[in-house]
């Protein structure tokens, strides 16, 4: 886990998971550690690896799609029924929906919302299969292999 010494662009972000905090607006900070340098000055190192932005962004978008499926878009609800009705519907939906999510098990599949297969002709598929077999045989440390092209699964 490499620590970065640059100033971050995003220090806090809002969460909507009731297990992290009871109400919207509570924040999670990017983890950091403070160290004293040789010259006696405090330095802050931010640990970006501890925050899976792409995965959480994909889960947030998928959560909104689920909300929209059952309730309609935010702007429609706000314009039609008012902000208070939007807040009540959002709270009702997200409190129950987010409890069904297992945040510790999100991975690459959640970013892509599943994986689509890339259709290939036989010769191209066999070349890729041979390449993957060669890689797995050459590097015994590799246990599993997935070959993706344009966000689609080939092998």
N, C-alpha and C. Protein backbone atom coordinates (compact mmCIF):
# COMPACT_ATOMS: atom_id res chain seq x y z
N UNK A 1 0.84 -1.16 0.00
CA UNK A 1 0.00 0.00 0.00
C UNK A 1 0.89 1.23 0.00
N UNK A 2 0.96 1.91 -1.09
CA UNK A 2 1.84 3.07 -1.21
C UNK A 2 1.12 4.32 -0.72
N UNK A 3 1.82 5.12 0.03
CA UNK A 3 1.26 6.37 0.51
C UNK A 3 1.71 7.49 -0.42
N UNK A 4 0.77 8.40 -0.70
CA UNK A 4 1.09 9.51 -1.60
C UNK A 4 1.28 10.77 -0.76
N UNK A 5 2.19 11.62 -1.19
CA UNK A 5 2.48 12.84 -0.44
C UNK A 5 1.92 14.08 -1.11
N UNK A 6 1.09 13.92 -2.14
CA UNK A 6 0.53 15.07 -2.83
C UNK A 6 -0.73 15.54 -2.13
N UNK A 7 -1.09 16.77 -2.36
CA UNK A 7 -2.30 17.33 -1.79
C UNK A 7 -3.50 16.74 -2.54
N UNK A 8 -4.46 16.18 -1.82
CA UNK A 8 -5.58 15.54 -2.51
C UNK A 8 -6.58 16.55 -3.04
N UNK A 9 -7.30 16.16 -4.08
CA UNK A 9 -8.36 16.99 -4.60
C UNK A 9 -9.67 16.74 -3.87
N UNK A 10 -9.83 15.54 -3.34
CA UNK A 10 -11.05 15.16 -2.63
C UNK A 10 -10.64 14.63 -1.27
N UNK A 11 -11.07 15.31 -0.22
CA UNK A 11 -10.72 14.88 1.11
C UNK A 11 -11.88 14.14 1.76
N UNK A 12 -13.10 14.59 1.53
CA UNK A 12 -14.28 13.97 2.12
C UNK A 12 -15.31 13.71 1.04
N UNK A 13 -16.17 12.72 1.28
CA UNK A 13 -17.29 12.51 0.40
C UNK A 13 -18.47 12.04 1.24
N UNK A 14 -19.67 12.32 0.77
CA UNK A 14 -20.86 11.95 1.50
C UNK A 14 -21.18 10.48 1.30
N UNK A 15 -21.71 9.87 2.33
CA UNK A 15 -22.13 8.48 2.22
C UNK A 15 -23.61 8.38 2.56
N UNK A 16 -24.23 7.34 2.09
CA UNK A 16 -25.65 7.13 2.33
C UNK A 16 -25.89 5.76 2.95
N UNK A 17 -24.89 5.17 3.55
CA UNK A 17 -25.01 3.85 4.15
C UNK A 17 -25.25 4.02 5.63
N UNK A 18 -26.37 3.52 6.11
CA UNK A 18 -26.73 3.72 7.51
C UNK A 18 -25.79 3.00 8.46
N UNK A 19 -25.03 2.01 7.99
CA UNK A 19 -24.09 1.34 8.89
C UNK A 19 -22.87 2.21 9.18
N UNK A 20 -22.57 3.18 8.33
CA UNK A 20 -21.46 4.09 8.58
C UNK A 20 -21.88 5.29 9.41
N UNK A 21 -23.11 5.70 9.28
CA UNK A 21 -23.60 6.85 10.02
C UNK A 21 -25.11 6.90 9.92
N UNK A 22 -25.79 7.36 10.94
CA UNK A 22 -27.24 7.31 10.94
C UNK A 22 -27.92 8.28 9.98
N UNK A 23 -27.29 9.35 9.60
CA UNK A 23 -27.94 10.36 8.77
C UNK A 23 -27.06 10.78 7.61
N UNK A 24 -27.74 11.19 6.53
CA UNK A 24 -27.03 11.73 5.37
C UNK A 24 -26.26 12.97 5.80
N UNK A 25 -25.12 13.15 5.21
CA UNK A 25 -24.31 14.32 5.53
C UNK A 25 -23.11 13.98 6.38
N UNK A 26 -23.11 12.82 7.04
CA UNK A 26 -21.91 12.41 7.74
C UNK A 26 -20.88 12.01 6.70
N UNK A 27 -19.66 12.24 6.96
CA UNK A 27 -18.63 12.03 5.95
C UNK A 27 -17.62 10.99 6.39
N UNK A 28 -16.96 10.43 5.40
CA UNK A 28 -15.81 9.57 5.64
C UNK A 28 -14.61 10.28 5.04
N UNK A 29 -13.56 10.40 5.79
CA UNK A 29 -12.35 11.06 5.30
C UNK A 29 -11.43 10.04 4.65
N UNK A 30 -10.65 10.51 3.70
CA UNK A 30 -9.63 9.65 3.12
C UNK A 30 -8.62 9.37 4.22
N UNK A 31 -8.28 8.10 4.44
CA UNK A 31 -7.33 7.77 5.51
C UNK A 31 -5.97 8.44 5.28
N UNK A 32 -5.38 8.90 6.36
CA UNK A 32 -4.07 9.53 6.25
C UNK A 32 -3.28 9.27 7.53
N UNK A 33 -2.01 9.49 7.44
CA UNK A 33 -1.16 9.39 8.62
C UNK A 33 -0.27 10.63 8.67
N UNK A 34 -0.02 11.08 9.89
CA UNK A 34 0.84 12.24 10.09
C UNK A 34 2.20 11.75 10.57
N UNK A 35 3.23 12.29 9.97
CA UNK A 35 4.59 11.92 10.37
C UNK A 35 5.40 13.19 10.58
N UNK A 36 6.39 13.08 11.42
CA UNK A 36 7.30 14.20 11.64
C UNK A 36 8.54 13.94 10.80
N UNK A 37 8.83 14.86 9.90
CA UNK A 37 9.99 14.73 9.02
C UNK A 37 11.27 15.03 9.80
N UNK A 38 12.40 14.80 9.15
CA UNK A 38 13.71 15.04 9.79
C UNK A 38 13.91 16.50 10.18
N UNK A 39 13.29 17.40 9.40
CA UNK A 39 13.42 18.82 9.71
C UNK A 39 12.46 19.28 10.80
N UNK A 40 11.67 18.35 11.36
CA UNK A 40 10.77 18.68 12.45
C UNK A 40 9.38 19.11 12.04
N UNK A 41 9.11 19.18 10.74
CA UNK A 41 7.79 19.59 10.26
C UNK A 41 6.87 18.38 10.14
N UNK A 42 5.60 18.62 10.42
CA UNK A 42 4.60 17.56 10.24
C UNK A 42 4.29 17.39 8.76
N UNK A 43 4.23 16.16 8.31
CA UNK A 43 3.80 15.87 6.94
C UNK A 43 2.62 14.91 7.00
N UNK A 44 1.70 15.11 6.10
CA UNK A 44 0.52 14.26 6.02
C UNK A 44 0.61 13.42 4.76
N UNK A 45 0.45 12.12 4.92
CA UNK A 45 0.44 11.20 3.78
C UNK A 45 -0.96 10.62 3.65
N UNK A 46 -1.57 10.84 2.50
CA UNK A 46 -2.91 10.31 2.24
C UNK A 46 -2.80 8.92 1.63
N UNK A 47 -3.66 8.01 2.07
CA UNK A 47 -3.65 6.62 1.61
C UNK A 47 -4.85 6.39 0.69
N UNK A 48 -4.66 6.69 -0.58
CA UNK A 48 -5.75 6.59 -1.55
C UNK A 48 -6.14 5.14 -1.82
N UNK A 49 -5.22 4.22 -1.60
CA UNK A 49 -5.51 2.82 -1.90
C UNK A 49 -6.61 2.26 -1.00
N UNK A 50 -6.85 2.90 0.13
CA UNK A 50 -7.88 2.42 1.04
C UNK A 50 -9.28 2.83 0.62
N UNK A 51 -9.41 3.65 -0.39
CA UNK A 51 -10.71 4.10 -0.87
C UNK A 51 -10.87 3.64 -2.31
N UNK A 52 -11.84 2.81 -2.57
CA UNK A 52 -12.07 2.27 -3.91
C UNK A 52 -13.06 3.16 -4.64
N UNK A 53 -12.58 4.29 -5.16
CA UNK A 53 -13.45 5.28 -5.77
C UNK A 53 -14.25 4.73 -6.94
N UNK A 54 -13.60 4.00 -7.83
CA UNK A 54 -14.30 3.49 -9.01
C UNK A 54 -15.42 2.53 -8.62
N UNK A 55 -15.14 1.68 -7.66
CA UNK A 55 -16.15 0.71 -7.23
C UNK A 55 -17.30 1.43 -6.55
N UNK A 56 -16.99 2.33 -5.63
CA UNK A 56 -18.06 3.05 -4.93
C UNK A 56 -18.87 3.93 -5.87
N UNK A 57 -18.22 4.53 -6.86
CA UNK A 57 -18.92 5.32 -7.86
C UNK A 57 -19.90 4.45 -8.64
N UNK A 58 -19.45 3.27 -9.04
CA UNK A 58 -20.33 2.35 -9.78
C UNK A 58 -21.49 1.88 -8.92
N UNK A 59 -21.24 1.61 -7.65
CA UNK A 59 -22.31 1.17 -6.74
C UNK A 59 -23.30 2.31 -6.52
N UNK A 60 -22.81 3.53 -6.39
CA UNK A 60 -23.69 4.69 -6.22
C UNK A 60 -24.58 4.87 -7.44
N UNK A 61 -24.00 4.75 -8.63
CA UNK A 61 -24.80 4.88 -9.86
C UNK A 61 -25.83 3.77 -9.96
N UNK A 62 -25.44 2.55 -9.62
CA UNK A 62 -26.38 1.43 -9.66
C UNK A 62 -27.49 1.62 -8.63
N UNK A 63 -27.16 2.16 -7.47
CA UNK A 63 -28.18 2.43 -6.45
C UNK A 63 -29.19 3.45 -6.94
N UNK A 64 -28.70 4.50 -7.60
CA UNK A 64 -29.62 5.50 -8.15
C UNK A 64 -30.50 4.91 -9.24
N UNK A 65 -29.93 4.03 -10.07
CA UNK A 65 -30.74 3.38 -11.11
C UNK A 65 -31.86 2.55 -10.49
N UNK A 66 -31.56 1.87 -9.39
CA UNK A 66 -32.59 1.09 -8.70
C UNK A 66 -33.66 2.02 -8.12
N UNK A 67 -33.23 3.13 -7.52
CA UNK A 67 -34.19 4.10 -6.99
C UNK A 67 -35.08 4.62 -8.11
N UNK A 68 -34.45 4.98 -9.22
CA UNK A 68 -35.19 5.54 -10.36
C UNK A 68 -36.18 4.53 -10.93
N UNK A 69 -35.82 3.25 -10.91
CA UNK A 69 -36.71 2.21 -11.41
C UNK A 69 -38.00 2.16 -10.61
N UNK A 70 -37.91 2.31 -9.29
CA UNK A 70 -39.09 2.19 -8.44
C UNK A 70 -39.79 3.52 -8.16
N UNK A 71 -39.07 4.64 -8.25
CA UNK A 71 -39.65 5.92 -7.84
C UNK A 71 -39.63 7.01 -8.90
N UNK A 72 -38.79 6.88 -9.90
CA UNK A 72 -38.63 7.94 -10.89
C UNK A 72 -37.41 8.77 -10.56
N UNK A 73 -37.00 9.65 -11.48
CA UNK A 73 -35.80 10.48 -11.26
C UNK A 73 -36.00 11.50 -10.15
N UNK A 74 -34.90 11.91 -9.54
CA UNK A 74 -34.94 12.89 -8.46
C UNK A 74 -35.63 14.18 -8.88
N UNK A 75 -35.24 14.72 -10.05
CA UNK A 75 -35.80 16.02 -10.45
C UNK A 75 -37.31 15.93 -10.68
N UNK A 76 -37.81 14.81 -11.21
CA UNK A 76 -39.26 14.65 -11.40
C UNK A 76 -39.97 14.63 -10.06
N UNK A 77 -39.45 13.87 -9.11
CA UNK A 77 -40.07 13.80 -7.78
C UNK A 77 -40.04 15.14 -7.08
N UNK A 78 -38.93 15.85 -7.21
CA UNK A 78 -38.80 17.15 -6.57
C UNK A 78 -39.77 18.17 -7.16
N UNK A 79 -39.87 18.19 -8.49
CA UNK A 79 -40.76 19.15 -9.15
C UNK A 79 -42.23 18.80 -8.95
N UNK A 80 -42.55 17.52 -8.94
CA UNK A 80 -43.95 17.09 -8.85
C UNK A 80 -44.47 17.09 -7.42
N UNK A 81 -43.68 16.55 -6.49
CA UNK A 81 -44.17 16.36 -5.12
C UNK A 81 -43.48 17.24 -4.09
N UNK A 82 -42.39 17.91 -4.47
CA UNK A 82 -41.67 18.77 -3.54
C UNK A 82 -40.46 18.07 -2.94
N UNK A 83 -39.60 18.90 -2.34
CA UNK A 83 -38.34 18.38 -1.80
C UNK A 83 -38.55 17.48 -0.60
N UNK A 84 -39.52 17.79 0.23
CA UNK A 84 -39.74 16.96 1.42
C UNK A 84 -40.18 15.55 1.03
N UNK A 85 -41.04 15.45 0.03
CA UNK A 85 -41.47 14.13 -0.44
C UNK A 85 -40.28 13.36 -1.03
N UNK A 86 -39.43 14.07 -1.76
CA UNK A 86 -38.23 13.44 -2.31
C UNK A 86 -37.33 12.92 -1.19
N UNK A 87 -37.15 13.73 -0.16
CA UNK A 87 -36.31 13.31 0.96
C UNK A 87 -36.89 12.08 1.66
N UNK A 88 -38.21 12.06 1.86
CA UNK A 88 -38.84 10.92 2.53
C UNK A 88 -38.74 9.66 1.69
N UNK A 89 -39.00 9.77 0.38
CA UNK A 89 -38.89 8.60 -0.49
C UNK A 89 -37.46 8.10 -0.56
N UNK A 90 -36.52 9.03 -0.65
CA UNK A 90 -35.10 8.65 -0.71
C UNK A 90 -34.69 7.93 0.56
N UNK A 91 -35.07 8.50 1.70
CA UNK A 91 -34.70 7.87 2.97
C UNK A 91 -35.33 6.49 3.10
N UNK A 92 -36.59 6.37 2.75
CA UNK A 92 -37.28 5.07 2.84
C UNK A 92 -36.60 4.04 1.94
N UNK A 93 -36.30 4.42 0.70
CA UNK A 93 -35.70 3.48 -0.24
C UNK A 93 -34.27 3.12 0.14
N UNK A 94 -33.43 4.14 0.35
CA UNK A 94 -32.01 3.89 0.55
C UNK A 94 -31.69 3.24 1.89
N UNK A 95 -32.47 3.51 2.93
CA UNK A 95 -32.22 2.85 4.21
C UNK A 95 -32.39 1.34 4.08
N UNK A 96 -33.39 0.91 3.33
CA UNK A 96 -33.57 -0.54 3.17
C UNK A 96 -32.66 -1.10 2.09
N UNK A 97 -32.46 -0.37 0.99
CA UNK A 97 -31.65 -0.89 -0.11
C UNK A 97 -30.18 -1.04 0.28
N UNK A 98 -29.63 -0.05 0.96
CA UNK A 98 -28.21 -0.09 1.30
C UNK A 98 -27.88 -1.18 2.31
N UNK A 99 -28.86 -1.58 3.09
CA UNK A 99 -28.62 -2.67 4.04
C UNK A 99 -28.46 -4.01 3.33
N UNK A 100 -28.93 -4.10 2.09
CA UNK A 100 -28.77 -5.35 1.34
C UNK A 100 -27.41 -5.44 0.66
N UNK A 101 -26.67 -4.34 0.60
CA UNK A 101 -25.37 -4.33 -0.07
C UNK A 101 -24.28 -4.79 0.89
N UNK A 102 -23.35 -5.56 0.37
CA UNK A 102 -22.20 -6.00 1.16
C UNK A 102 -20.97 -5.23 0.67
N UNK A 103 -20.66 -4.13 1.31
CA UNK A 103 -19.60 -3.23 0.85
C UNK A 103 -18.22 -3.89 0.88
N UNK A 104 -18.05 -4.90 1.69
CA UNK A 104 -16.73 -5.53 1.78
C UNK A 104 -16.44 -6.47 0.61
N UNK A 105 -17.46 -6.77 -0.20
CA UNK A 105 -17.24 -7.73 -1.28
C UNK A 105 -17.34 -7.12 -2.67
N UNK A 106 -17.34 -5.80 -2.79
CA UNK A 106 -17.41 -5.18 -4.11
C UNK A 106 -16.10 -5.37 -4.85
N UNK A 107 -16.19 -5.55 -6.17
CA UNK A 107 -14.99 -5.79 -6.96
C UNK A 107 -15.19 -5.30 -8.39
N UNK A 108 -14.39 -5.81 -9.30
CA UNK A 108 -14.41 -5.41 -10.71
C UNK A 108 -15.79 -5.59 -11.34
N UNK A 109 -16.51 -6.64 -10.97
CA UNK A 109 -17.83 -6.88 -11.55
C UNK A 109 -18.81 -5.77 -11.21
N UNK A 110 -18.65 -5.16 -10.05
CA UNK A 110 -19.55 -4.07 -9.68
C UNK A 110 -19.27 -2.81 -10.49
N UNK A 111 -18.04 -2.61 -10.92
CA UNK A 111 -17.72 -1.45 -11.76
C UNK A 111 -18.41 -1.58 -13.10
N UNK A 112 -18.34 -2.77 -13.69
CA UNK A 112 -18.91 -2.98 -15.01
C UNK A 112 -20.37 -3.40 -14.97
N UNK A 113 -20.95 -3.57 -13.77
CA UNK A 113 -22.33 -4.05 -13.60
C UNK A 113 -22.50 -5.39 -14.32
N UNK A 114 -21.55 -6.27 -14.09
CA UNK A 114 -21.52 -7.56 -14.77
C UNK A 114 -20.54 -7.49 -15.93
N UNK A 115 -20.29 -8.59 -16.55
CA UNK A 115 -19.35 -8.63 -17.67
C UNK A 115 -20.05 -9.18 -18.89
N UNK A 116 -19.86 -8.52 -20.01
CA UNK A 116 -20.40 -8.99 -21.29
C UNK A 116 -19.30 -9.72 -22.03
N UNK A 117 -19.69 -10.74 -22.79
CA UNK A 117 -18.72 -11.49 -23.58
C UNK A 117 -18.52 -10.81 -24.93
N UNK A 118 -17.28 -10.84 -25.40
CA UNK A 118 -16.95 -10.30 -26.71
C UNK A 118 -17.01 -11.43 -27.73
N UNK A 119 -17.89 -11.32 -28.72
CA UNK A 119 -17.96 -12.39 -29.72
C UNK A 119 -16.73 -12.34 -30.63
N UNK A 120 -16.13 -13.50 -30.84
CA UNK A 120 -14.93 -13.60 -31.68
C UNK A 120 -15.06 -14.77 -32.64
N UNK A 121 -14.32 -14.68 -33.74
CA UNK A 121 -14.26 -15.83 -34.64
C UNK A 121 -13.36 -16.90 -34.00
N UNK A 122 -13.42 -18.12 -34.52
CA UNK A 122 -12.71 -19.25 -33.91
C UNK A 122 -11.20 -19.04 -33.85
N UNK A 123 -10.61 -18.56 -34.93
CA UNK A 123 -9.15 -18.40 -34.97
C UNK A 123 -8.66 -17.39 -33.94
N UNK A 124 -9.34 -16.26 -33.83
CA UNK A 124 -8.94 -15.24 -32.86
C UNK A 124 -9.10 -15.77 -31.44
N UNK A 125 -10.19 -16.46 -31.19
CA UNK A 125 -10.42 -17.03 -29.86
C UNK A 125 -9.32 -18.03 -29.51
N UNK A 126 -8.95 -18.89 -30.45
CA UNK A 126 -7.90 -19.88 -30.20
C UNK A 126 -6.55 -19.22 -29.95
N UNK A 127 -6.26 -18.13 -30.65
CA UNK A 127 -5.01 -17.41 -30.42
C UNK A 127 -4.97 -16.84 -29.00
N UNK A 128 -6.08 -16.27 -28.57
CA UNK A 128 -6.14 -15.71 -27.22
C UNK A 128 -6.06 -16.82 -26.18
N UNK A 129 -6.73 -17.92 -26.42
CA UNK A 129 -6.67 -19.05 -25.50
C UNK A 129 -5.23 -19.58 -25.40
N UNK A 130 -4.54 -19.68 -26.51
CA UNK A 130 -3.14 -20.13 -26.50
C UNK A 130 -2.26 -19.14 -25.74
N UNK A 131 -2.49 -17.85 -25.95
CA UNK A 131 -1.73 -16.83 -25.24
C UNK A 131 -1.94 -16.94 -23.73
N UNK A 132 -3.18 -17.07 -23.31
CA UNK A 132 -3.48 -17.18 -21.88
C UNK A 132 -2.85 -18.45 -21.30
N UNK A 133 -2.95 -19.56 -22.03
CA UNK A 133 -2.34 -20.81 -21.56
C UNK A 133 -0.83 -20.67 -21.43
N UNK A 134 -0.20 -19.99 -22.38
CA UNK A 134 1.24 -19.77 -22.33
C UNK A 134 1.62 -18.93 -21.11
N UNK A 135 0.87 -17.88 -20.86
CA UNK A 135 1.13 -17.02 -19.70
C UNK A 135 0.99 -17.82 -18.40
N UNK A 136 -0.11 -18.58 -18.28
CA UNK A 136 -0.32 -19.36 -17.06
C UNK A 136 0.75 -20.43 -16.87
N UNK A 137 1.21 -21.03 -17.96
CA UNK A 137 2.25 -22.06 -17.88
C UNK A 137 3.61 -21.44 -17.54
N UNK A 138 3.91 -20.28 -18.12
CA UNK A 138 5.19 -19.63 -17.89
C UNK A 138 5.29 -19.07 -16.47
N UNK A 139 4.20 -18.49 -15.98
CA UNK A 139 4.19 -17.88 -14.65
C UNK A 139 3.28 -18.69 -13.75
N UNK A 140 3.86 -19.60 -13.00
CA UNK A 140 3.07 -20.51 -12.16
C UNK A 140 2.38 -19.78 -11.01
N UNK A 141 2.79 -18.54 -10.72
CA UNK A 141 2.15 -17.77 -9.64
C UNK A 141 0.73 -17.36 -10.02
N UNK A 142 0.44 -17.31 -11.31
CA UNK A 142 -0.89 -16.89 -11.77
C UNK A 142 -1.85 -18.05 -11.57
N UNK A 143 -2.88 -17.80 -10.78
CA UNK A 143 -3.84 -18.85 -10.47
C UNK A 143 -5.07 -18.77 -11.37
N UNK A 144 -5.58 -17.56 -11.60
CA UNK A 144 -6.75 -17.35 -12.43
C UNK A 144 -6.46 -16.26 -13.45
N UNK A 145 -7.07 -16.36 -14.61
CA UNK A 145 -6.84 -15.39 -15.67
C UNK A 145 -8.17 -14.98 -16.29
N UNK A 146 -8.33 -13.70 -16.51
CA UNK A 146 -9.45 -13.18 -17.29
C UNK A 146 -8.86 -12.26 -18.34
N UNK A 147 -9.26 -12.42 -19.58
CA UNK A 147 -8.76 -11.60 -20.68
C UNK A 147 -9.89 -10.69 -21.11
N UNK A 148 -9.73 -9.38 -20.89
CA UNK A 148 -10.75 -8.40 -21.23
C UNK A 148 -10.28 -7.55 -22.40
N UNK A 149 -11.21 -7.20 -23.27
CA UNK A 149 -10.94 -6.26 -24.35
C UNK A 149 -12.15 -5.35 -24.49
N UNK A 150 -11.93 -4.05 -24.41
CA UNK A 150 -13.02 -3.06 -24.48
C UNK A 150 -14.11 -3.37 -23.46
N UNK A 151 -13.69 -3.66 -22.24
CA UNK A 151 -14.61 -3.96 -21.13
C UNK A 151 -15.48 -5.18 -21.38
N UNK A 152 -15.07 -6.06 -22.25
CA UNK A 152 -15.82 -7.28 -22.53
C UNK A 152 -14.91 -8.48 -22.32
N UNK A 153 -15.48 -9.55 -21.80
CA UNK A 153 -14.72 -10.75 -21.48
C UNK A 153 -14.45 -11.56 -22.74
N UNK A 154 -13.19 -11.90 -22.96
CA UNK A 154 -12.81 -12.75 -24.08
C UNK A 154 -12.55 -14.16 -23.57
N UNK A 155 -11.72 -14.28 -22.49
CA UNK A 155 -11.39 -15.59 -21.93
C UNK A 155 -11.32 -15.49 -20.43
